[in-house]
Amino acid sequence: MAARSRTRTLQVVDTEFSADAVEWCPVPGWHSLLACGTYQLQRPADKAGEESEPPLRVGRLYLYRFSTEEGCAAPLTELQRADAPAILDMKWCHVPVSERPLLGIANARGALELQQLTGSEKSGCALEAVSSLDLGPDRLALSLDWSTGRGESSASSVKVVCSDSKGCVSLLSLCGSAASLHLLSQWKGHEFEAWIAAFDYWNSDVLYSGGDDCRLKGWDVRTGSSCPIFTSRRHSMGVCSIQSNPHREHVLATGSYDEHVLLWDARHMKQPLADTHVRGGVWRLKWHPSHEPLLLAACMHNDFHILDCRAALDGSSEESEIISSYILHNSLAYGADWSRLSLAGPAPAEGEGEGLADPTPAEGEGEGLADPTPAEGEGEGLAGPAPAEGEGEGLAGPAPVEGEGYLQIHYESPTASFDTALEDVQGRYCPEPLTPAPHSQSSSPPTESSLLATCSFYDHVLHVWRWDCSPA
């Protein structure tokens, strides 16, 4: 029988600039930390009689802490914000370097920047720049990946791969305890933008890259970079997401502007194991940190989806199953990541715990949430998109109980995944607390709960949400 799943929004944050990257810290002891990167194109004001200046690409880096304490209405707390060149991608190293988490950032100045975490969770922490390396002139650094995806590498053998807007792939290593960067090699991998580069997490000598030339390529650095070990034209548009499965050797997921997620056996790259049409360009793919077959996809014009790849990997299906969707973003779905945190308390039983939040948060709670009354032209409609014609009709919640808000069901899907949000009488979004509802007395199958973060571009919004899945 099919599993039943449910998504539930925990907090919504206005990032002010367009948000395109979000990453939970994978280093043990620091799983509560979340980084978010933004990208904004600023056009200088025209001056009479002068040539217009080129637009500036600016960004901002945010660091948050997520609290798992029960009853916390706004679990995400901002720890730091720092203006920076526009951020196109960022990822944490999966192992500590000099006993500290290390964040890599690909920026619009064509550089890979490393920022290390200082302080402690108890006394406060912040990111501090420790090194940077320019990939070359007149380019944007577009993506990066660490060789540490399985969390087993020692700090002395850590490598980083980057791709850029000139179509180049760059391989770098960390040198010494100061986490300085050394360029090992750089080569022209693609005719146009190299949107993505990634390691084979089971063999750090093997790399993959995807570009706007519709090519997916593999590279073995031991044999040089003059010729790829394979070139696939299976995607019909630009290849913009690649991730090796950290739990199962030889399994690779790729995504493209052609709106398809492909699963591959890396030993046989002529034909994919599975092809899933997700109806949106696949900007990012993330395997679940502990559940082998689960894959999170950020699908640009078609929101965020969780795919169950079990049947595809076992050879019993040529398509992965979309088992849940999160559709409350109003703009391009870009950044997405799974947290390794364990959520406090069990998932609410179906039909329980909905609409229990106090529509007026206590003083000091809810700071950093998207303004429920946005400035003109900004963030309009952040409480969730209107359903498409014919969808969700008649799903509005019941009249509010005195002292509570309206419960609005935003979406109900054939996959048994749905989302709700509490609104007050003015229609403003109210975050729901993490306090679990009372248990049902009847026995129920065990539920797996995951914490996720996603962000979208033009509406500059970060969402933190939970996903609960149990057998039907």
Protein backbone atom coordinates (compact mmCIF):
# COMPACT_ATOMS: atom_id res chain seq x y z
CA MET A 1 0.00 0.00 0.00
CA ALA A 2 1.17 3.54 -0.70
CA ALA A 3 2.66 5.56 2.11
CA ARG A 4 0.76 8.56 3.44
CA SER A 5 2.68 11.79 3.85
CA ARG A 6 2.08 15.32 5.00
CA THR A 7 3.96 18.61 4.80
CA ARG A 8 3.61 21.27 7.46
CA THR A 9 5.04 24.80 7.38
CA LEU A 10 6.95 25.78 10.52
CA GLN A 11 8.24 29.25 9.65
CA VAL A 12 8.49 31.68 6.74
CA VAL A 13 11.29 34.28 6.57
CA ASP A 14 11.71 37.26 4.26
CA THR A 15 15.32 37.27 3.00
CA GLU A 16 14.95 40.74 1.40
CA PHE A 17 17.21 39.78 -1.53
CA SER A 18 16.33 36.94 -3.93
CA ALA A 19 17.10 33.63 -2.19
CA ASP A 20 18.76 30.88 -4.25
CA ALA A 21 20.72 28.63 -1.87
CA VAL A 22 19.95 27.07 1.50
CA GLU A 23 22.10 24.52 3.37
CA TRP A 24 21.76 22.76 6.74
CA CYS A 25 25.09 22.09 8.48
CA PRO A 26 25.94 18.35 8.19
CA VAL A 27 28.72 18.34 10.81
CA PRO A 28 27.72 16.46 14.01
CA GLY A 29 27.07 18.82 16.89
CA TRP A 30 26.07 21.65 14.54
CA HIS A 31 22.99 20.26 12.83
CA SER A 32 20.78 23.09 14.08
CA LEU A 33 22.58 25.66 11.90
CA LEU A 34 21.14 26.77 8.57
CA ALA A 35 22.84 29.01 6.00
CA CYS A 36 20.97 30.91 3.29
CA GLY A 37 22.50 32.74 0.35
CA THR A 38 20.96 35.43 -1.85
CA TYR A 39 21.50 37.04 -5.24
CA GLN A 40 20.27 40.46 -6.30
CA LEU A 41 20.83 42.40 -9.51
CA GLN A 42 21.02 46.12 -8.76
CA ARG A 43 20.89 48.60 -11.60
CA PRO A 44 22.57 51.95 -10.87
CA ALA A 45 20.43 55.04 -11.35
CA ASP A 46 20.90 56.62 -14.80
CA LYS A 47 22.70 59.95 -14.83
CA ALA A 48 21.92 62.49 -17.52
CA GLY A 49 24.58 62.63 -20.23
CA GLU A 50 26.50 59.63 -18.94
CA GLU A 51 26.67 56.03 -20.07
CA SER A 52 24.69 53.71 -17.88
CA GLU A 53 26.83 51.61 -15.58
CA PRO A 54 26.57 47.81 -15.66
CA PRO A 55 24.32 46.27 -13.02
CA LEU A 56 25.83 45.10 -9.77
CA ARG A 57 25.39 41.56 -8.48
CA VAL A 58 25.10 41.80 -4.74
CA GLY A 59 24.11 39.27 -2.13
CA ARG A 60 23.79 38.52 1.53
CA LEU A 61 24.70 35.51 3.65
CA TYR A 62 22.41 34.56 6.53
CA LEU A 63 23.13 32.17 9.38
CA TYR A 64 20.22 30.80 11.43
CA ARG A 65 19.74 28.41 14.32
CA PHE A 66 16.74 26.10 14.50
CA SER A 67 15.32 25.27 17.93
CA THR A 68 13.68 21.89 18.53
CA GLU A 69 12.16 23.01 21.85
CA GLU A 70 8.49 22.18 22.10
CA GLY A 71 6.05 25.07 21.99
CA CYS A 72 8.37 27.39 20.05
CA ALA A 73 6.21 29.34 17.59
CA ALA A 74 9.19 30.73 15.64
CA PRO A 75 11.92 28.07 15.85
CA LEU A 76 14.33 29.78 13.44
CA THR A 77 16.54 32.51 14.93
CA GLU A 78 18.84 34.72 12.88
CA LEU A 79 22.40 34.64 14.21
CA GLN A 80 24.22 36.62 11.53
CA ARG A 81 23.80 38.48 8.26
CA ALA A 82 26.66 39.68 6.10
CA ASP A 83 26.58 41.58 2.80
CA ALA A 84 28.65 39.89 0.11
CA PRO A 85 28.99 39.44 -3.64
CA ALA A 86 25.96 37.63 -5.06
CA ILE A 87 25.91 33.98 -3.98
CA LEU A 88 25.12 31.41 -6.68
CA ASP A 89 25.79 28.25 -4.67
CA MET A 90 27.11 27.20 -1.29
CA LYS A 91 27.72 23.96 0.58
CA TRP A 92 29.11 22.90 3.94
CA CYS A 93 32.06 20.54 4.04
CA HIS A 94 30.67 17.29 5.48
CA VAL A 95 33.57 16.86 7.90
CA PRO A 96 35.08 19.44 10.29
CA VAL A 97 38.25 21.24 9.21
CA SER A 98 40.49 22.26 12.11
CA GLU A 99 37.66 20.95 14.30
CA ARG A 100 35.23 23.52 12.84
CA PRO A 101 32.46 23.47 10.22
CA LEU A 102 33.53 25.06 6.93
CA LEU A 103 31.18 26.64 4.37
CA GLY A 104 32.14 27.01 0.71
CA ILE A 105 30.54 29.80 -1.36
CA ALA A 106 30.54 30.25 -5.15
CA ASN A 107 30.08 33.94 -5.87
CA ALA A 108 29.44 36.39 -8.69
CA ARG A 109 33.03 37.68 -8.66
CA GLY A 110 34.17 34.33 -9.98
CA ALA A 111 35.65 33.16 -6.71
CA LEU A 112 35.34 30.27 -4.31
CA GLU A 113 35.24 31.62 -0.77
CA LEU A 114 35.58 29.62 2.44
CA GLN A 115 33.98 30.72 5.70
CA GLN A 116 34.62 28.93 8.98
CA LEU A 117 32.33 28.80 11.97
CA THR A 118 33.64 30.48 15.13
CA GLY A 119 32.30 30.42 18.68
CA SER A 120 30.00 27.72 20.03
CA GLU A 121 26.32 26.86 19.96
CA LYS A 122 25.94 27.81 23.60
CA SER A 123 27.84 31.11 23.62
CA GLY A 124 26.94 32.14 20.08
CA CYS A 125 28.56 31.45 16.72
CA ALA A 126 29.27 33.26 13.47
CA LEU A 127 30.87 32.64 10.09
CA GLU A 128 34.24 34.23 9.36
CA ALA A 129 36.02 34.38 5.98
CA VAL A 130 39.27 32.38 6.01
CA SER A 131 40.31 32.08 2.35
CA SER A 132 39.28 32.80 -1.23
CA LEU A 133 40.51 31.81 -4.67
CA ASP A 134 39.63 33.48 -7.99
CA LEU A 135 38.69 31.01 -10.73
CA GLY A 136 39.56 33.46 -13.50
CA PRO A 137 38.53 36.84 -14.96
CA ASP A 138 35.11 37.77 -16.32
CA ARG A 139 33.14 34.85 -14.95
CA LEU A 140 30.65 33.81 -12.30
CA ALA A 141 31.33 30.87 -10.04
CA LEU A 142 28.15 28.83 -10.50
CA SER A 143 28.42 25.73 -8.32
CA LEU A 144 30.62 23.77 -5.93
CA ASP A 145 30.77 20.36 -4.30
CA TRP A 146 32.94 18.72 -1.65
CA SER A 147 34.58 15.31 -1.93
CA THR A 148 33.35 14.52 1.59
CA GLY A 149 29.75 13.56 0.75
CA ARG A 150 29.87 10.28 2.69
CA GLY A 151 31.26 12.03 5.79
CA GLU A 152 34.25 9.71 5.94
CA SER A 153 37.14 11.74 4.49
CA SER A 154 39.90 13.13 6.66
CA ALA A 155 40.48 16.88 6.56
CA SER A 156 43.89 16.31 4.96
CA SER A 157 42.33 14.80 1.81
CA VAL A 158 39.45 17.24 1.27
CA LYS A 159 38.92 18.48 -2.29
CA VAL A 160 36.46 20.92 -3.87
CA VAL A 161 35.15 21.09 -7.42
CA CYS A 162 33.69 24.28 -8.95
CA SER A 163 32.02 25.17 -12.22
CA ASP A 164 31.73 28.60 -13.82
CA SER A 165 30.02 30.68 -16.48
CA LYS A 166 32.93 30.22 -18.92
CA GLY A 167 32.22 26.50 -19.07
CA CYS A 168 35.24 25.58 -16.97
CA VAL A 169 35.56 22.97 -14.24
CA SER A 170 38.09 23.63 -11.46
CA LEU A 171 39.49 21.10 -8.98
CA LEU A 172 40.92 22.48 -5.74
CA SER A 173 42.35 21.10 -2.52
CA LEU A 174 42.59 22.38 1.05
CA CYS A 175 46.07 23.05 2.33
CA GLY A 176 47.03 23.02 6.00
CA SER A 177 45.06 23.84 9.10
CA ALA A 178 44.35 27.37 7.83
CA ALA A 179 41.97 25.94 5.19
CA SER A 180 43.73 27.73 2.34
CA LEU A 181 42.80 26.76 -1.23
CA HIS A 182 45.13 25.38 -3.89
CA LEU A 183 44.12 25.03 -7.54
CA LEU A 184 44.99 21.53 -8.76
CA SER A 185 43.62 21.79 -12.30
CA GLN A 186 41.15 23.70 -14.47
CA TRP A 187 39.79 22.75 -17.86
CA LYS A 188 37.17 23.74 -20.41
CA GLY A 189 34.39 21.23 -19.87
CA HIS A 190 31.45 22.82 -21.72
CA GLU A 191 30.79 25.17 -24.62
CA PHE A 192 28.53 27.43 -22.58
CA GLU A 193 27.86 27.84 -18.85
CA ALA A 194 28.90 24.86 -16.73
CA TRP A 195 25.89 25.03 -14.42
CA ILE A 196 26.92 22.22 -12.10
CA ALA A 197 29.89 20.10 -11.03
CA ALA A 198 29.86 17.29 -8.48
CA PHE A 199 31.99 14.48 -7.06
CA ASP A 200 31.35 10.79 -7.15
CA TYR A 201 31.17 10.44 -3.35
CA TRP A 202 32.52 6.88 -3.58
CA ASN A 203 35.58 7.83 -5.63
CA SER A 204 36.85 11.41 -5.35
CA ASP A 205 38.98 10.99 -8.49
CA VAL A 206 35.78 10.90 -10.53
CA LEU A 207 33.82 14.09 -11.20
CA TYR A 208 30.65 14.94 -13.10
CA SER A 209 29.66 18.18 -14.79
CA GLY A 210 26.61 19.53 -16.60
CA GLY A 211 26.30 22.54 -18.85
CA ASP A 212 24.07 24.72 -20.95
CA ASP A 213 25.29 22.74 -23.97
CA CYS A 214 22.89 19.97 -22.84
CA ARG A 215 25.82 17.70 -22.02
CA LEU A 216 26.38 15.57 -18.93
CA LYS A 217 30.04 14.57 -18.67
CA GLY A 218 32.20 12.40 -16.46
CA TRP A 219 35.86 13.01 -15.70
CA ASP A 220 38.62 10.91 -14.13
CA VAL A 221 41.36 13.23 -12.88
CA ARG A 222 43.87 10.36 -12.86
CA THR A 223 43.77 10.20 -16.66
CA GLY A 224 43.75 13.94 -17.21
CA SER A 225 41.08 16.37 -18.34
CA SER A 226 41.66 16.38 -22.08
CA CYS A 227 38.89 13.87 -22.67
CA PRO A 228 35.82 12.97 -20.58
CA ILE A 229 35.24 9.33 -19.64
CA PHE A 230 31.70 9.70 -21.00
CA THR A 231 29.45 12.32 -22.59
CA SER A 232 25.68 11.93 -22.36
CA ARG A 233 23.17 13.81 -24.50
CA ARG A 234 20.19 12.19 -22.82
CA HIS A 235 18.98 15.54 -21.39
CA SER A 236 17.47 17.74 -24.09
CA MET A 237 18.25 21.07 -22.36
CA GLY A 238 20.88 22.47 -20.03
CA VAL A 239 21.99 20.15 -17.22
CA CYS A 240 21.87 22.10 -13.94
CA SER A 241 21.82 19.57 -11.08
CA ILE A 242 23.86 16.47 -10.23
CA GLN A 243 24.28 14.53 -7.01
CA SER A 244 25.92 11.20 -6.21
CA ASN A 245 24.00 9.00 -3.76
CA PRO A 246 26.02 8.87 -0.51
CA HIS A 247 24.31 5.62 0.61
CA ARG A 248 24.48 3.48 -2.52
CA GLU A 249 27.53 3.22 -4.77
CA HIS A 250 27.23 3.92 -8.52
CA VAL A 251 23.87 5.73 -8.18
CA LEU A 252 23.70 9.21 -9.69
CA ALA A 253 20.80 11.68 -9.99
CA THR A 254 20.73 14.45 -12.59
CA GLY A 255 18.27 17.19 -13.44
CA SER A 256 17.84 19.64 -16.28
CA TYR A 257 15.89 22.55 -17.65
CA ASP A 258 14.10 19.87 -19.68
CA GLU A 259 12.05 19.14 -16.50
CA HIS A 260 13.29 15.56 -16.10
CA VAL A 261 15.05 13.86 -13.19
CA LEU A 262 17.20 10.96 -14.39
CA LEU A 263 18.67 8.20 -12.24
CA TRP A 264 21.81 6.51 -13.48
CA ASP A 265 24.04 3.55 -12.79
CA ALA A 266 27.39 5.34 -13.16
CA ARG A 267 28.91 2.16 -14.64
CA HIS A 268 26.45 2.22 -17.56
CA MET A 269 25.82 5.77 -18.73
CA LYS A 270 24.25 4.99 -22.09
CA GLN A 271 20.74 4.71 -20.68
CA PRO A 272 19.28 5.98 -17.36
CA LEU A 273 17.67 3.64 -14.86
CA ALA A 274 14.64 5.92 -14.53
CA ASP A 275 13.21 9.08 -16.05
CA THR A 276 10.72 11.19 -14.07
CA HIS A 277 8.98 14.23 -15.53
CA VAL A 278 8.60 16.80 -12.73
CA ARG A 279 7.17 19.63 -14.91
CA GLY A 280 9.74 22.21 -13.90
CA GLY A 281 13.42 22.86 -14.54
CA VAL A 282 15.40 20.89 -11.93
CA TRP A 283 17.75 23.39 -10.32
CA ARG A 284 18.82 21.30 -7.31
CA LEU A 285 18.69 17.66 -6.23
CA LYS A 286 19.42 16.40 -2.70
CA TRP A 287 19.46 12.81 -1.49
CA HIS A 288 18.05 12.28 2.02
CA PRO A 289 20.88 12.17 4.60
CA SER A 290 19.75 8.82 6.05
CA HIS A 291 17.06 7.28 3.80
CA GLU A 292 18.68 5.90 0.66
CA PRO A 293 15.83 6.13 -1.89
CA LEU A 294 14.44 9.59 -1.05
CA LEU A 295 15.36 12.48 -3.33
CA LEU A 296 14.40 16.16 -2.93
CA ALA A 297 14.01 18.17 -6.13
CA ALA A 298 13.77 21.96 -6.52
CA CYS A 299 11.79 22.32 -9.74
CA MET A 300 11.90 26.06 -10.49
CA HIS A 301 8.44 26.82 -11.99
CA ASN A 302 6.84 23.76 -10.37
CA ASP A 303 7.74 23.93 -6.67
CA PHE A 304 9.51 21.28 -4.58
CA HIS A 305 8.95 17.52 -4.75
CA ILE A 306 10.06 14.46 -2.80
CA LEU A 307 10.71 11.43 -4.98
CA ASP A 308 10.78 7.83 -3.80
CA CYS A 309 13.34 6.11 -6.03
CA ARG A 310 13.10 2.67 -4.43
CA ALA A 311 11.32 0.91 -7.29
CA ALA A 312 13.50 2.62 -9.87
CA LEU A 313 16.72 1.58 -8.12
CA ASP A 314 15.45 -1.99 -7.73
CA GLY A 315 14.71 -2.19 -11.43
CA SER A 316 10.95 -2.66 -11.04
CA SER A 317 9.99 0.77 -12.44
CA GLU A 318 11.32 3.15 -15.05
CA GLU A 319 10.00 6.17 -13.17
CA SER A 320 10.42 7.43 -9.61
CA GLU A 321 7.28 8.15 -7.63
CA ILE A 322 6.54 11.69 -6.48
CA ILE A 323 5.24 11.01 -2.97
CA SER A 324 4.96 14.57 -1.67
CA SER A 325 5.03 18.17 -2.88
CA TYR A 326 5.54 21.52 -1.18
CA ILE A 327 3.85 24.29 -3.17
CA LEU A 328 3.68 27.31 -0.87
CA HIS A 329 6.41 29.30 -2.63
CA ASN A 330 5.23 31.94 -5.09
CA SER A 331 8.35 32.13 -7.23
CA LEU A 332 11.17 30.07 -8.76
CA ALA A 333 12.05 27.08 -6.57
CA TYR A 334 15.84 27.21 -6.22
CA GLY A 335 17.41 26.25 -2.89
CA ALA A 336 16.47 23.06 -1.03
CA ASP A 337 18.01 20.86 1.65
CA TRP A 338 17.25 18.17 4.24
CA SER A 339 18.21 18.67 7.88
CA ARG A 340 19.83 15.95 9.99
CA LEU A 341 18.03 17.18 13.10
CA SER A 342 15.58 14.92 14.89
CA LEU A 343 12.29 16.71 15.43
CA ALA A 344 10.98 16.89 18.97
CA GLY A 345 7.75 15.03 19.60
CA PRO A 346 5.71 12.81 17.29
CA ALA A 347 3.94 14.04 14.20
CA PRO A 348 0.40 15.31 14.78
CA ALA A 349 -2.27 12.73 14.09
CA GLU A 350 -4.38 13.37 11.02
CA GLY A 351 -6.97 16.02 11.76
CA GLU A 352 -5.38 16.94 15.09
CA GLY A 353 -3.28 19.91 16.02
CA GLU A 354 -4.51 22.06 13.16
CA GLY A 355 -5.44 25.62 13.88
CA LEU A 356 -4.15 25.50 17.45
CA ALA A 357 -1.60 28.26 17.11
CA ASP A 358 -2.19 31.53 18.90
CA PRO A 359 -2.82 33.97 16.06
CA THR A 360 -1.00 36.68 18.00
CA PRO A 361 2.55 35.45 18.82
CA ALA A 362 3.97 36.35 22.19
CA GLU A 363 6.18 39.41 22.34
CA GLY A 364 9.60 38.63 20.87
CA GLU A 365 8.35 35.59 19.00
CA GLY A 366 8.12 35.42 15.24
CA GLU A 367 10.87 37.95 14.54
CA GLY A 368 12.29 37.55 11.08
CA LEU A 369 9.04 36.29 9.61
CA ALA A 370 7.92 37.66 6.30
CA ASP A 371 5.99 40.86 6.91
CA PRO A 372 2.31 39.94 6.71
CA THR A 373 1.66 43.33 5.12
CA PRO A 374 4.44 43.63 2.50
CA ALA A 375 5.51 46.90 0.97
CA GLU A 376 3.85 47.73 -2.31
CA GLY A 377 5.11 45.41 -5.02
CA GLU A 378 7.05 43.21 -2.64
CA GLY A 379 6.20 39.69 -1.54
CA GLU A 380 2.52 39.94 -2.32
CA GLY A 381 0.58 36.80 -1.61
CA LEU A 382 3.22 35.08 0.54
CA ALA A 383 0.61 33.14 2.47
CA GLY A 384 0.53 30.59 -0.37
CA PRO A 385 -0.39 30.55 -4.05
CA ALA A 386 -3.95 30.50 -5.23
CA PRO A 387 -4.87 27.05 -6.52
CA ALA A 388 -5.01 26.53 -10.25
CA GLU A 389 -8.44 26.64 -11.81
CA GLY A 390 -10.34 23.55 -10.83
CA GLU A 391 -8.00 22.66 -7.97
CA GLY A 392 -8.81 22.98 -4.33
CA GLU A 393 -12.25 24.45 -4.86
CA GLY A 394 -14.38 24.46 -1.77
CA LEU A 395 -11.43 23.61 0.50
CA ALA A 396 -11.54 26.72 2.64
CA GLY A 397 -11.48 25.93 6.33
CA PRO A 398 -14.37 26.33 8.72
CA ALA A 399 -15.34 29.56 10.40
CA PRO A 400 -12.89 30.39 13.18
CA VAL A 401 -13.50 29.50 16.78
CA GLU A 402 -13.59 32.60 18.92
CA GLY A 403 -10.02 33.62 19.75
CA GLU A 404 -8.53 31.48 16.97
CA GLY A 405 -7.86 31.97 13.27
CA TYR A 406 -9.15 30.57 10.02
CA LEU A 407 -7.62 27.29 8.94
CA GLN A 408 -6.98 27.44 5.23
CA ILE A 409 -6.12 24.30 3.26
CA HIS A 410 -3.81 25.44 0.49
CA TYR A 411 -3.49 22.21 -1.42
CA GLU A 412 -4.62 18.62 -1.48
CA SER A 413 -2.92 16.22 -3.89
CA PRO A 414 -3.38 12.69 -5.21
CA THR A 415 -0.21 11.75 -3.32
CA ALA A 416 -2.02 12.27 0.02
CA SER A 417 0.24 15.23 0.81
CA PHE A 418 -1.32 18.50 1.88
CA ASP A 419 -0.43 21.70 3.65
CA THR A 420 -2.35 24.00 5.91
CA ALA A 421 -1.67 27.42 7.33
CA LEU A 422 -3.41 29.39 10.03
CA GLU A 423 -4.65 32.86 9.16
CA ASP A 424 -6.13 35.46 11.43
CA VAL A 425 -9.35 37.29 10.54
CA GLN A 426 -7.41 39.77 8.39
CA GLY A 427 -5.96 36.89 6.34
CA ARG A 428 -2.44 37.25 7.77
CA TYR A 429 -0.23 34.19 8.10
CA CYS A 430 0.32 32.86 11.63
CA PRO A 431 3.10 30.33 12.29
CA GLU A 432 2.08 27.08 13.93
CA PRO A 433 3.85 25.97 17.11
CA LEU A 434 5.89 22.79 17.30
CA THR A 435 3.83 21.54 20.26
CA PRO A 436 2.55 18.10 19.25
CA ALA A 437 -1.11 17.33 19.49
CA PRO A 438 -2.31 14.72 22.00
CA HIS A 439 -1.79 11.15 20.85
CA SER A 440 -4.64 9.19 19.46
CA GLN A 441 -5.42 6.19 21.62
CA SER A 442 -5.59 3.88 18.63
CA SER A 443 -2.40 2.21 17.50
CA SER A 444 -0.81 3.70 14.40
CA PRO A 445 2.19 2.77 12.25
CA PRO A 446 5.51 4.52 12.96
CA THR A 447 6.00 7.87 11.27
CA GLU A 448 9.26 9.14 9.80
CA SER A 449 9.66 12.91 10.20
CA SER A 450 12.11 15.10 8.33
CA LEU A 451 12.94 18.79 8.61
CA LEU A 452 13.55 20.72 5.39
CA ALA A 453 14.37 24.22 4.22
CA THR A 454 13.54 25.65 0.81
CA CYS A 455 13.85 29.09 -0.74
CA SER A 456 12.50 30.86 -3.79
CA PHE A 457 13.91 33.62 -5.91
CA TYR A 458 11.82 36.64 -6.85
CA ASP A 459 9.63 36.62 -3.75
CA HIS A 460 12.81 36.41 -1.56
CA VAL A 461 11.36 33.91 0.88
CA LEU A 462 12.82 31.08 2.97
CA HIS A 463 10.48 28.35 4.24
CA VAL A 464 11.25 25.81 6.97
CA TRP A 465 8.87 22.86 7.01
CA ARG A 466 8.48 19.32 8.21
CA TRP A 467 7.51 16.24 6.27
CA ASP A 468 5.89 13.27 7.98
CA CYS A 469 5.51 9.96 6.21
CA SER A 470 3.94 6.73 7.43
CA PRO A 471 2.62 3.53 5.84
CA ALA A 472 -0.98 3.83 4.70
